[in-house]
Amino acid sequence: MKKIRLLVIVLLAIGASLFWAMTSERTVNVWGKDGFSYELVIPAYVTVHESKDEDNRSHVQSTGPFEDVVTEWTLKQFGWKPFAHVKVTARTLPSGDTFLYDEVVFTEETIPFTARFTPPKDVWAWEQWAEGRVNESHHDVFGVDATDVAAGYATSDHGSFVVSQSFHSVEKTYEDEETKTNSTIRVLRSERAPTLVPNSSIERRFDAPPWERMDGWILLSNEALFSSKETMDDYVAFAEEETYKRLNWLTADGAYTKLAHSIEPSHPNGYGRVLGRMQDDEALRLYESTRERWYENLVAHSWVTLIQYQTDKLASGEANGSRWPTEFTSTWLKNAYGVTAPYVDTRYNEYIAFFLDDVSEQFGWKVAGGTNGSQEVEQYARFLLDRIEAGDVLRTPNGYLLIDYFKEDAPTPLITHASLNHELGGLKILLTAYERTKEAAFLHAAEQIMTGIEEAGADQGGWIRPNGDLWYQMRPDGTMSSDDYPQLTLLDLLEANELLERIGKPRNVSFDDMIDAKVRFLQEEGVAFIPKVSELLKRRDG
């Protein structure tokens, strides 16, 4: 009888322990700095394993003045059955502020848990940014961007922080059987605001289905991120209005933005690392006009993720020596020319090279032991010389045009069209590289491209259309086609001629002819010039 009673007591104790383990929670601290802390709130029966092997490791990564402390954990049931992978990146910025990025991927099973971010004990003033009213205006190319601005901004005597939404997504990959290449995007499942516990903490709930991910970010500072409520309100108004200029979904690996429907795999909620958006020139422009700490940190996020993107692609062999390859396939580019990811978009690469150099010069950011981030224009110009030598051009009688897209691993060059704005972008890269280095090869290539522009479509009237506007491109067969951008190419023409004058060369007469034609066309259409075009026209004509 005593044995039976003892057995019952043991069973009751085990049952009570299991009940406690299944219904109770415990906290695990994973990061802390200056009174701020980040911890996981997990069921008591879940164990946290910090992994330090090759596939799942904790490490510190430095990129110039930036330092990433990346720690990864595996969550297990009762210490043996893995069910989730947690990755937290604490990125210290040159300003001394910290971007905290978290990412959770559930594996075989979903066991919900919470992340809790706790600021120093103080009275925090909370400014709600997102009101749950996403700008659902439809874009002809991108459709609807379903992401919202960050949840809000908190301030106290201890500093300030901004907390993002939580982004729930799943990766989708299209495998091209013919080319044996992959195109990967993220499909946004939903967006969720964090929970604000007044005067206590901010919490995120992780509960995605297996093999889907949830991520978000927090930017924290010991200083005010905005100098006044007015400048903060200006940013929120900008972010709510300029849907395709502001960045909401930030990760340690770069910003994810809305993709066109023509991307493989096509999805109405497809997002990816679009190189032209990762390069956050809007944040740089706003920083230059306001000097706000918030914008400096957004510029920092953009600069370091572009450097790391380039480094990762080169290390993986995806780039084959290129600068910043696009990692998803455009169906129209594939159908027209057979070009699939990874490939090099010459315009995006030009923008990035100028952006990184401008930021490096303005802030003094450089990568130790190399030129990354500070001599990108020269490096990209050398890459263009390599592609010219490889035959990635459209020939004219005495010159050539750079094609818009390079596919480096193709057995033979895949020749695409050459658009006027891409030509002028490559020309500006080569002329700037010549200005900085005085290397004749850069000037020679630039002169060949100018000759190519002058000779392109000569039997069709050149680049100026019968209606006075400009053609967009020359096709591989030599025909001119498609509508020009409203003012982008005009701006490029003005900048290219100013650059020629700056290096002591005469203005290109053909460029001025195209400028005059485009100006007349826009005036006849009643289109107002954008400020930068107006400024350059005044300098030219004044």
Protein backbone atom coordinates (compact mmCIF):
# COMPACT_ATOMS: atom_id res chain seq x y z
CA MET A 1 0.00 0.00 0.00
CA LYS A 2 2.86 2.35 0.86
CA LYS A 3 4.44 1.61 -2.52
CA ILE A 4 1.20 2.47 -4.28
CA ARG A 5 0.89 5.73 -2.35
CA LEU A 6 4.52 6.55 -3.16
CA LEU A 7 3.92 5.82 -6.85
CA VAL A 8 0.84 8.06 -6.85
CA ILE A 9 2.82 10.86 -5.20
CA VAL A 10 5.60 10.50 -7.77
CA LEU A 11 3.11 10.51 -10.64
CA LEU A 12 1.33 13.54 -9.21
CA ALA A 13 4.67 15.32 -8.84
CA ILE A 14 5.60 14.50 -12.43
CA GLY A 15 2.18 15.63 -13.61
CA ALA A 16 2.46 18.86 -11.66
CA SER A 17 5.91 19.48 -13.10
CA LEU A 18 4.67 18.83 -16.62
CA PHE A 19 1.65 21.07 -16.06
CA TRP A 20 3.94 23.82 -14.76
CA ALA A 21 6.31 23.37 -17.70
CA MET A 22 3.48 23.46 -20.23
CA THR A 23 1.69 26.47 -18.75
CA SER A 24 4.51 28.60 -17.31
CA GLU A 25 6.95 30.92 -19.02
CA ARG A 26 10.51 31.99 -18.41
CA THR A 27 12.69 34.75 -19.80
CA VAL A 28 16.10 34.46 -21.43
CA ASN A 29 18.17 37.62 -21.85
CA VAL A 30 19.84 37.74 -25.26
CA TRP A 31 21.13 41.31 -25.59
CA GLY A 32 21.65 44.45 -23.53
CA LYS A 33 23.27 47.88 -23.81
CA ASP A 34 23.11 51.11 -21.78
CA GLY A 35 20.08 49.96 -19.82
CA PHE A 36 18.22 48.64 -22.88
CA SER A 37 17.56 44.89 -22.96
CA TYR A 38 16.14 42.33 -25.37
CA GLU A 39 14.91 38.99 -24.07
CA LEU A 40 12.88 36.00 -25.17
CA VAL A 41 9.78 34.99 -23.23
CA ILE A 42 9.37 31.27 -23.89
CA PRO A 43 7.41 28.32 -22.48
CA ALA A 44 9.19 26.76 -19.51
CA TYR A 45 9.72 23.47 -21.36
CA VAL A 46 11.64 25.22 -24.16
CA THR A 47 15.42 25.38 -24.01
CA VAL A 48 17.62 27.93 -25.77
CA HIS A 49 20.84 26.78 -27.39
CA GLU A 50 23.33 29.36 -28.63
CA SER A 51 24.99 27.75 -31.63
CA LYS A 52 28.63 28.26 -32.50
CA ASP A 53 29.21 25.78 -35.30
CA GLU A 54 29.88 26.63 -38.94
CA ASP A 55 26.26 26.59 -40.04
CA ASN A 56 24.73 28.35 -37.05
CA ARG A 57 27.20 30.51 -35.21
CA SER A 58 27.76 33.51 -33.00
CA HIS A 59 30.28 36.01 -34.32
CA VAL A 60 31.37 39.62 -34.58
CA GLN A 61 31.68 41.17 -38.04
CA SER A 62 33.26 44.55 -38.68
CA THR A 63 32.65 46.61 -41.83
CA GLY A 64 34.66 49.79 -41.56
CA PRO A 65 33.28 51.82 -38.62
CA PHE A 66 30.33 49.43 -38.22
CA GLU A 67 30.29 46.42 -35.92
CA ASP A 68 27.75 43.60 -36.05
CA VAL A 69 27.34 41.22 -33.14
CA VAL A 70 25.38 38.36 -34.67
CA THR A 71 24.07 35.63 -32.40
CA GLU A 72 21.92 32.69 -33.43
CA TRP A 73 19.90 30.34 -31.26
CA THR A 74 18.03 27.11 -31.75
CA LEU A 75 14.90 26.67 -29.63
CA LYS A 76 14.12 23.08 -28.60
CA GLN A 77 11.27 21.31 -26.86
CA PHE A 78 12.52 19.67 -23.64
CA GLY A 79 16.08 20.15 -24.85
CA TRP A 80 15.99 17.78 -27.81
CA LYS A 81 13.41 18.63 -30.53
CA PRO A 82 14.28 21.83 -32.48
CA PHE A 83 11.34 23.95 -33.58
CA ALA A 84 12.66 27.48 -34.25
CA HIS A 85 15.75 29.37 -35.30
CA VAL A 86 16.33 32.84 -33.84
CA LYS A 87 18.87 35.33 -35.19
CA VAL A 88 19.58 38.71 -33.59
CA THR A 89 22.00 41.22 -35.12
CA ALA A 90 23.09 44.17 -32.98
CA ARG A 91 24.72 46.66 -35.36
CA THR A 92 26.65 49.54 -33.80
CA LEU A 93 26.64 52.55 -36.12
CA PRO A 94 29.27 55.29 -36.45
CA SER A 95 26.92 57.60 -34.53
CA GLY A 96 27.13 55.23 -31.55
CA ASP A 97 23.49 54.25 -32.01
CA THR A 98 22.36 50.64 -32.48
CA PHE A 99 20.17 48.92 -35.02
CA LEU A 100 18.74 45.74 -33.51
CA TYR A 101 17.40 43.31 -36.12
CA ASP A 102 15.59 40.11 -35.17
CA GLU A 103 14.54 37.19 -37.34
CA VAL A 104 12.67 34.01 -36.42
CA VAL A 105 12.10 30.99 -38.67
CA PHE A 106 9.99 28.12 -37.38
CA THR A 107 10.95 24.66 -38.62
CA GLU A 108 8.86 21.51 -38.10
CA GLU A 109 6.37 22.97 -35.65
CA THR A 110 5.07 26.33 -34.44
CA ILE A 111 5.32 26.98 -30.71
CA PRO A 112 4.51 30.68 -30.18
CA PHE A 113 6.77 32.84 -28.04
CA THR A 114 7.49 36.51 -27.44
CA ALA A 115 10.43 38.88 -27.73
CA ARG A 116 10.46 41.68 -25.16
CA PHE A 117 12.41 44.91 -25.61
CA THR A 118 12.78 46.87 -22.37
CA PRO A 119 14.21 50.41 -22.20
CA PRO A 120 15.80 51.90 -19.06
CA LYS A 121 13.35 52.66 -16.26
CA ASP A 122 11.97 56.10 -16.98
CA VAL A 123 8.88 57.93 -18.18
CA TRP A 124 8.84 57.42 -21.94
CA ALA A 125 6.78 59.60 -24.27
CA TRP A 126 5.38 57.47 -27.08
CA GLU A 127 4.55 58.94 -30.49
CA GLN A 128 2.38 56.60 -32.54
CA TRP A 129 3.43 56.61 -36.21
CA ALA A 130 1.53 53.80 -37.89
CA GLU A 131 -2.22 54.11 -37.56
CA GLY A 132 -3.05 50.93 -39.44
CA ARG A 133 -3.95 52.87 -42.57
CA VAL A 134 -1.61 51.62 -45.29
CA ASN A 135 -1.45 53.78 -48.41
CA GLU A 136 -3.18 51.42 -50.84
CA SER A 137 -2.72 53.52 -53.96
CA HIS A 138 -2.08 51.25 -56.95
CA HIS A 139 1.14 51.66 -58.91
CA ASP A 140 1.11 50.63 -62.59
CA VAL A 141 4.33 48.62 -62.19
CA PHE A 142 4.45 47.56 -58.53
CA GLY A 143 0.79 47.28 -57.56
CA VAL A 144 0.14 47.98 -53.87
CA ASP A 145 2.88 48.21 -51.23
CA ALA A 146 1.26 46.70 -48.13
CA THR A 147 3.99 47.75 -45.68
CA ASP A 148 3.41 50.54 -43.17
CA VAL A 149 5.70 53.05 -41.52
CA ALA A 150 7.35 52.07 -38.23
CA ALA A 151 5.04 51.58 -35.24
CA GLY A 152 6.29 54.61 -33.33
CA TYR A 153 8.94 56.67 -31.60
CA ALA A 154 9.71 56.84 -27.88
CA THR A 155 11.74 59.49 -26.05
CA SER A 156 12.95 60.12 -22.50
CA ASP A 157 15.94 61.59 -20.68
CA HIS A 158 17.72 58.29 -21.41
CA GLY A 159 17.47 58.68 -25.20
CA SER A 160 15.05 57.49 -27.87
CA PHE A 161 14.12 54.56 -30.04
CA VAL A 162 11.98 53.66 -33.07
CA VAL A 163 10.25 50.27 -33.35
CA SER A 164 9.22 48.75 -36.68
CA GLN A 165 6.30 46.59 -37.59
CA SER A 166 6.78 42.82 -37.53
CA PHE A 167 6.96 41.39 -41.06
CA HIS A 168 5.69 37.86 -41.67
CA SER A 169 6.93 36.39 -44.95
CA VAL A 170 7.88 33.22 -46.79
CA GLU A 171 10.62 32.72 -49.37
CA LYS A 172 9.60 31.67 -52.86
CA THR A 173 12.13 30.45 -55.42
CA TYR A 174 11.73 29.93 -59.15
CA GLU A 175 14.16 27.39 -60.60
CA ASP A 176 14.80 27.87 -64.30
CA GLU A 177 15.37 24.40 -65.75
CA GLU A 178 16.95 25.68 -68.95
CA THR A 179 19.50 28.04 -67.42
CA LYS A 180 19.85 26.21 -64.07
CA THR A 181 19.48 29.52 -62.25
CA ASN A 182 17.32 30.50 -59.28
CA SER A 183 15.27 33.62 -58.64
CA THR A 184 14.22 34.18 -55.02
CA ILE A 185 11.77 36.66 -53.53
CA ARG A 186 9.89 37.07 -50.25
CA VAL A 187 6.11 37.00 -50.19
CA LEU A 188 4.70 39.24 -47.46
CA ARG A 189 2.03 37.28 -45.59
CA SER A 190 1.10 39.95 -43.08
CA GLU A 191 2.35 42.88 -41.06
CA ARG A 192 1.76 43.21 -37.34
CA ALA A 193 2.28 46.08 -34.94
CA PRO A 194 4.23 45.37 -31.74
CA THR A 195 2.44 45.47 -28.40
CA LEU A 196 3.18 48.50 -26.23
CA VAL A 197 3.18 47.81 -22.50
CA PRO A 198 2.91 51.36 -21.04
CA ASN A 199 6.03 52.50 -19.13
CA SER A 200 7.39 48.97 -19.33
CA SER A 201 8.32 47.31 -22.62
CA ILE A 202 7.64 46.61 -26.30
CA GLU A 203 6.70 43.04 -27.24
CA ARG A 204 6.60 41.08 -30.49
CA ARG A 205 4.73 37.78 -30.82
CA PHE A 206 6.30 35.12 -33.04
CA ASP A 207 3.82 32.52 -34.32
CA ALA A 208 4.38 31.98 -38.06
CA PRO A 209 3.65 28.60 -39.69
CA PRO A 210 6.59 26.21 -40.20
CA TRP A 211 9.29 27.35 -42.65
CA GLU A 212 8.02 30.91 -42.67
CA ARG A 213 9.78 33.86 -41.06
CA MET A 214 9.02 36.89 -38.93
CA ASP A 215 11.42 39.79 -38.59
CA GLY A 216 11.62 43.40 -37.48
CA TRP A 217 13.98 46.08 -36.25
CA ILE A 218 14.56 48.62 -33.50
CA LEU A 219 16.80 51.68 -33.75
CA LEU A 220 17.90 52.97 -30.36
CA SER A 221 20.03 55.90 -29.26
CA ASN A 222 21.22 57.65 -26.12
CA GLU A 223 20.27 60.89 -27.90
CA ALA A 224 17.10 62.19 -29.54
CA LEU A 225 16.76 60.81 -33.07
CA PHE A 226 14.81 63.94 -34.03
CA SER A 227 15.62 67.47 -32.91
CA SER A 228 11.95 68.46 -32.69
CA LYS A 229 8.44 67.11 -33.04
CA GLU A 230 8.10 69.08 -36.27
CA THR A 231 11.00 67.28 -37.95
CA MET A 232 9.62 63.95 -36.75
CA ASP A 233 6.17 64.80 -38.15
CA ASP A 234 7.80 65.79 -41.45
CA TYR A 235 9.36 62.34 -41.73
CA VAL A 236 6.12 60.51 -40.94
CA ALA A 237 4.25 62.61 -43.51
CA PHE A 238 6.97 61.87 -46.09
CA ALA A 239 6.88 58.12 -45.33
CA GLU A 240 3.10 57.93 -45.56
CA GLU A 241 2.93 59.91 -48.80
CA GLU A 242 6.02 58.74 -50.72
CA THR A 243 5.21 55.04 -50.85
CA TYR A 244 7.98 54.19 -53.30
CA LYS A 245 10.70 56.37 -51.77
CA ARG A 246 10.61 55.46 -48.07
CA LEU A 247 11.92 52.16 -46.65
CA ASN A 248 9.88 50.29 -44.02
CA TRP A 249 11.06 46.69 -44.10
CA LEU A 250 14.68 46.83 -42.98
CA THR A 251 16.79 43.75 -42.26
CA ALA A 252 20.44 43.30 -41.35
CA ASP A 253 20.99 42.24 -44.97
CA GLY A 254 19.25 45.21 -46.58
CA ALA A 255 15.85 46.75 -47.22
CA TYR A 256 13.03 44.74 -48.80
CA THR A 257 10.75 46.69 -51.11
CA LYS A 258 7.84 45.96 -53.44
CA LEU A 259 8.65 44.09 -56.65
CA ALA A 260 7.08 44.46 -60.06
CA HIS A 261 4.65 41.74 -61.12
CA SER A 262 7.07 40.82 -63.94
CA ILE A 263 9.57 39.33 -61.47
CA GLU A 264 9.91 35.52 -61.21
CA PRO A 265 8.22 34.05 -59.28
CA SER A 266 5.41 36.56 -59.80
CA HIS A 267 3.28 37.37 -56.77
CA PRO A 268 1.10 40.40 -55.92
CA ASN A 269 2.82 40.60 -52.52
CA GLY A 270 6.36 39.93 -53.72
CA TYR A 271 9.25 41.83 -52.09
CA GLY A 272 12.99 41.74 -52.63
CA ARG A 273 16.28 43.53 -52.21
CA VAL A 274 15.92 46.01 -55.06
CA LEU A 275 19.34 47.58 -55.55
CA GLY A 276 17.94 50.92 -56.65
CA ARG A 277 15.99 51.14 -53.39
CA MET A 278 18.67 49.71 -51.08
CA GLN A 279 20.70 52.76 -52.13
CA ASP A 280 18.75 55.23 -49.97
CA ASP A 281 19.46 58.54 -51.68
CA GLU A 282 16.23 59.96 -50.21
CA ALA A 283 17.63 59.55 -46.69
CA LEU A 284 20.88 61.19 -47.82
CA ARG A 285 18.99 64.09 -49.39
CA LEU A 286 16.91 64.60 -46.25
CA TYR A 287 19.99 64.37 -44.02
CA GLU A 288 21.77 67.03 -46.08
CA SER A 289 18.81 69.41 -45.68
CA THR A 290 18.05 68.71 -41.98
CA ARG A 291 21.16 67.13 -40.34
CA GLU A 292 18.80 64.92 -38.33
CA ARG A 293 20.33 61.94 -36.53
CA TRP A 294 17.50 59.71 -37.79
CA TYR A 295 18.43 60.26 -41.43
CA GLU A 296 22.14 59.76 -40.73
CA ASN A 297 21.32 56.34 -39.31
CA LEU A 298 19.17 55.44 -42.32
CA VAL A 299 22.07 56.41 -44.59
CA ALA A 300 24.35 54.26 -42.43
CA HIS A 301 21.99 51.29 -42.80
CA SER A 302 22.01 51.70 -46.57
CA TRP A 303 25.78 52.14 -46.88
CA VAL A 304 26.79 49.14 -44.81
CA THR A 305 24.20 46.75 -46.28
CA LEU A 306 25.33 47.61 -49.82
CA ILE A 307 28.96 46.94 -48.87
CA GLN A 308 28.02 43.64 -47.24
CA TYR A 309 25.78 42.68 -50.18
CA GLN A 310 28.68 43.18 -52.56
CA THR A 311 31.07 41.24 -50.32
CA ASP A 312 28.64 38.33 -49.88
CA LYS A 313 27.92 38.03 -53.61
CA LEU A 314 31.60 38.01 -54.49
CA ALA A 315 32.38 35.45 -51.78
CA SER A 316 29.58 33.14 -52.94
CA GLY A 317 30.69 33.30 -56.57
CA GLU A 318 27.35 34.68 -57.73
CA ALA A 319 28.89 37.89 -58.98
CA ASN A 320 31.84 36.48 -60.96
CA GLY A 321 33.68 39.76 -60.47
CA SER A 322 30.73 42.09 -60.91
CA ARG A 323 29.73 44.78 -58.49
CA TRP A 324 26.11 44.42 -57.27
CA PRO A 325 24.23 41.71 -59.18
CA THR A 326 20.43 41.61 -59.21
CA GLU A 327 19.26 38.44 -57.46
CA PHE A 328 15.84 37.90 -59.07
CA THR A 329 14.79 37.43 -62.69
CA SER A 330 12.70 39.86 -64.72
CA THR A 331 10.43 37.98 -67.13
CA TRP A 332 10.55 40.68 -69.81
CA LEU A 333 14.37 40.69 -69.74
CA LYS A 334 14.44 36.89 -69.80
CA ASN A 335 11.92 36.61 -72.64
CA ALA A 336 13.57 39.32 -74.73
CA TYR A 337 17.24 38.40 -74.30
CA GLY A 338 17.55 35.21 -72.24
CA VAL A 339 19.00 37.10 -69.26
CA THR A 340 18.28 35.54 -65.84
CA ALA A 341 19.53 36.27 -62.32
CA PRO A 342 22.20 37.01 -61.36
CA TYR A 343 22.88 39.83 -63.80
CA VAL A 344 24.27 43.37 -63.61
CA ASP A 345 21.95 46.35 -64.12
CA THR A 346 24.31 49.11 -65.27
CA ARG A 347 22.10 51.96 -64.03
CA TYR A 348 21.63 50.58 -60.53
CA ASN A 349 25.35 49.91 -60.26
CA GLU A 350 26.16 53.46 -61.35
CA TYR A 351 23.80 54.89 -58.74
CA ILE A 352 25.28 52.71 -56.00
CA ALA A 353 28.89 53.57 -56.87
CA PHE A 354 28.21 57.31 -56.73
CA PHE A 355 26.12 56.95 -53.56
CA LEU A 356 28.79 55.00 -51.66
CA ASP A 357 31.54 57.39 -52.66
CA ASP A 358 29.44 60.45 -51.79
CA VAL A 359 28.56 59.02 -48.38
CA SER A 360 32.14 57.95 -47.69
CA GLU A 361 33.41 61.44 -48.50
CA GLN A 362 30.72 63.19 -46.47
CA PHE A 363 30.92 60.99 -43.35
CA GLY A 364 34.46 59.64 -43.61
CA TRP A 365 33.33 56.00 -43.62
CA LYS A 366 35.79 53.55 -45.15
CA VAL A 367 36.45 49.83 -44.97
CA ALA A 368 39.81 49.02 -43.39
CA GLY A 369 42.29 47.26 -45.64
CA GLY A 370 40.45 48.02 -48.88
CA THR A 371 38.77 50.59 -51.05
CA ASN A 372 35.20 49.38 -50.58
CA GLY A 373 32.89 52.27 -49.94
CA SER A 374 35.38 55.00 -50.84
CA GLN A 375 36.62 54.32 -54.40
CA GLU A 376 33.62 52.56 -55.86
CA VAL A 377 33.36 54.78 -58.94
CA GLU A 378 36.87 53.84 -60.06
CA GLN A 379 36.26 50.15 -59.35
CA TYR A 380 33.01 50.14 -61.28
CA ALA A 381 34.63 52.04 -64.16
CA ARG A 382 37.29 49.31 -64.39
CA PHE A 383 34.51 46.74 -64.47
CA LEU A 384 32.93 48.59 -67.41
CA LEU A 385 36.26 48.48 -69.24
CA ASP A 386 36.33 44.71 -68.70
CA ARG A 387 32.82 44.33 -70.13
CA ILE A 388 33.73 46.47 -73.14
CA GLU A 389 36.72 44.21 -73.79
CA ALA A 390 34.44 41.17 -73.42
CA GLY A 391 32.22 42.49 -76.20
CA ASP A 392 29.16 43.56 -74.18
CA VAL A 393 28.46 46.50 -76.51
CA LEU A 394 26.38 47.53 -79.51
CA ARG A 395 28.73 48.69 -82.25
CA THR A 396 28.25 51.84 -84.32
CA PRO A 397 30.47 52.81 -87.29
CA ASN A 398 33.11 54.49 -85.11
CA GLY A 399 32.06 53.86 -81.52
CA TYR A 400 29.84 51.71 -79.36
CA LEU A 401 27.09 51.70 -76.76
CA LEU A 402 27.23 49.77 -73.50
CA ILE A 403 24.37 47.32 -73.22
CA ASP A 404 22.02 47.88 -70.27
CA TYR A 405 22.44 44.46 -68.61
CA PHE A 406 25.47 42.18 -68.28
CA LYS A 407 25.19 38.41 -67.84
CA GLU A 408 28.77 37.49 -67.01
CA ASP A 409 28.43 33.71 -66.77
CA ALA A 410 26.80 33.31 -70.20
CA PRO A 411 28.91 31.18 -72.58
CA THR A 412 28.62 33.98 -75.17
CA PRO A 413 27.60 37.61 -74.53
CA LEU A 414 23.84 38.10 -74.24
CA ILE A 415 23.38 41.40 -76.04
CA THR A 416 20.51 43.51 -74.72
CA HIS A 417 19.29 46.94 -75.79
CA ALA A 418 21.15 50.15 -74.94
CA SER A 419 19.00 52.91 -73.44
CA LEU A 420 20.08 56.53 -73.55
CA ASN A 421 19.85 57.06 -69.79
CA HIS A 422 22.03 53.98 -69.10
CA GLU A 423 24.60 55.20 -71.65
CA LEU A 424 24.80 58.58 -69.96
CA GLY A 425 25.10 56.90 -66.56
CA GLY A 426 28.05 54.80 -67.73
CA LEU A 427 29.55 57.87 -69.37
CA LYS A 428 29.39 59.81 -66.09
CA ILE A 429 31.12 56.93 -64.29
CA LEU A 430 33.97 56.83 -66.82
CA LEU A 431 34.41 60.61 -66.93
CA THR A 432 34.43 60.83 -63.13
CA ALA A 433 36.98 58.01 -62.92
CA TYR A 434 39.14 59.87 -65.44
CA GLU A 435 38.78 63.10 -63.45
CA ARG A 436 40.02 61.34 -60.32
CA THR A 437 42.78 59.17 -61.79
CA LYS A 438 43.76 60.78 -65.14
CA GLU A 439 43.93 57.27 -66.63
CA ALA A 440 43.59 57.53 -70.40
CA ALA A 441 41.63 54.27 -70.71
CA PHE A 442 38.65 55.81 -68.93
CA LEU A 443 38.60 58.86 -71.22
CA HIS A 444 39.02 56.72 -74.34
CA ALA A 445 36.03 54.54 -73.40
CA ALA A 446 33.97 57.65 -72.61
CA GLU A 447 34.80 59.15 -76.02
CA GLN A 448 33.82 55.91 -77.76
CA ILE A 449 30.46 55.93 -75.97
CA MET A 450 29.85 59.58 -76.90
CA THR A 451 30.60 58.69 -80.52
CA GLY A 452 28.22 55.74 -80.24
CA ILE A 453 25.46 58.01 -78.91
CA GLU A 454 26.04 60.49 -81.74
CA GLU A 455 25.94 57.75 -84.40
CA ALA A 456 23.10 55.63 -83.01
CA GLY A 457 20.06 55.51 -85.28
CA ALA A 458 21.56 58.03 -87.70
CA ASP A 459 19.44 56.63 -90.54
CA GLN A 460 16.32 57.17 -88.39
CA GLY A 461 16.98 60.73 -87.28
CA GLY A 462 19.05 59.81 -84.22
CA TRP A 463 17.64 60.06 -80.69
CA ILE A 464 15.23 62.96 -81.38
CA ARG A 465 11.80 61.69 -82.37
CA PRO A 466 9.49 63.38 -84.91
CA ASN A 467 7.36 64.72 -82.04
CA GLY A 468 10.38 66.39 -80.43
CA ASP A 469 10.72 63.93 -77.56
CA LEU A 470 13.61 61.45 -77.27
CA TRP A 471 13.75 57.76 -78.01
CA TYR A 472 14.35 55.55 -74.98
CA GLN A 473 16.64 52.90 -76.48
CA MET A 474 18.46 51.40 -79.41
CA ARG A 475 17.69 47.72 -79.91
CA PRO A 476 20.33 45.14 -80.83
CA ASP A 477 19.12 45.35 -84.47
CA GLY A 478 19.84 49.09 -84.52
CA THR A 479 16.25 50.35 -84.45
CA MET A 480 15.21 53.13 -82.06
CA SER A 481 12.17 52.53 -79.87
CA SER A 482 10.10 53.24 -76.74
CA ASP A 483 9.21 56.40 -74.83
CA ASP A 484 11.82 58.34 -72.90
CA TYR A 485 11.48 59.09 -69.18
CA PRO A 486 9.79 62.43 -68.39
CA GLN A 487 12.97 64.19 -67.15
CA LEU A 488 15.53 61.57 -66.05
CA THR A 489 17.42 61.49 -69.35
CA LEU A 490 17.27 65.28 -69.61
CA LEU A 491 18.95 65.50 -66.22
CA ASP A 492 21.61 63.00 -67.35
CA LEU A 493 22.35 65.03 -70.49
CA LEU A 494 22.77 68.23 -68.47
CA GLU A 495 25.01 66.52 -65.90
CA ALA A 496 27.15 64.85 -68.58
CA ASN A 497 27.86 68.15 -70.32
CA GLU A 498 28.69 69.86 -67.02
CA LEU A 499 31.09 67.02 -66.23
CA LEU A 500 32.78 67.41 -69.61
CA GLU A 501 33.33 71.11 -68.91
CA ARG A 502 34.65 70.32 -65.44
CA ILE A 503 37.41 68.10 -66.81
CA GLY A 504 38.37 70.70 -69.42
CA LYS A 505 36.58 69.17 -72.40
CA PRO A 506 34.09 70.92 -74.71
CA ARG A 507 30.38 70.40 -74.27
CA ASN A 508 28.93 67.70 -76.51
CA VAL A 509 26.94 69.45 -79.26
CA SER A 510 24.67 66.45 -79.81
CA PHE A 511 23.82 66.44 -76.11
CA ASP A 512 22.88 70.12 -76.25
CA ASP A 513 20.71 69.45 -79.31
CA MET A 514 18.86 66.72 -77.40
CA ILE A 515 18.52 68.99 -74.35
CA ASP A 516 16.99 71.74 -76.49
CA ALA A 517 14.58 69.31 -78.15
CA LYS A 518 13.47 67.80 -74.84
CA VAL A 519 13.02 71.23 -73.24
CA ARG A 520 10.82 72.39 -76.13
CA PHE A 521 8.79 69.18 -75.96
CA LEU A 522 8.16 69.52 -72.22
CA GLN A 523 7.27 73.19 -72.54
CA GLU A 524 4.78 72.43 -75.32
CA GLU A 525 3.26 69.73 -73.11
CA GLY A 526 2.97 72.19 -70.22
CA VAL A 527 5.24 70.12 -67.96
CA ALA A 528 7.05 71.97 -65.16
CA PHE A 529 10.74 71.19 -64.73
CA ILE A 530 11.88 69.42 -61.58
CA PRO A 531 14.09 71.67 -59.38
CA LYS A 532 17.40 70.04 -60.33
CA VAL A 533 16.69 70.33 -64.06
CA SER A 534 15.71 73.99 -63.62
CA GLU A 535 18.96 74.68 -61.75
CA LEU A 536 21.14 73.03 -64.41
CA LEU A 537 19.32 74.77 -67.25
CA LYS A 538 19.91 78.13 -65.57
CA ARG A 539 23.60 77.33 -65.20
CA ARG A 540 23.82 76.28 -68.84
CA ASP A 541 21.90 79.22 -70.26
CA GLY A 542 23.01 81.85 -67.75
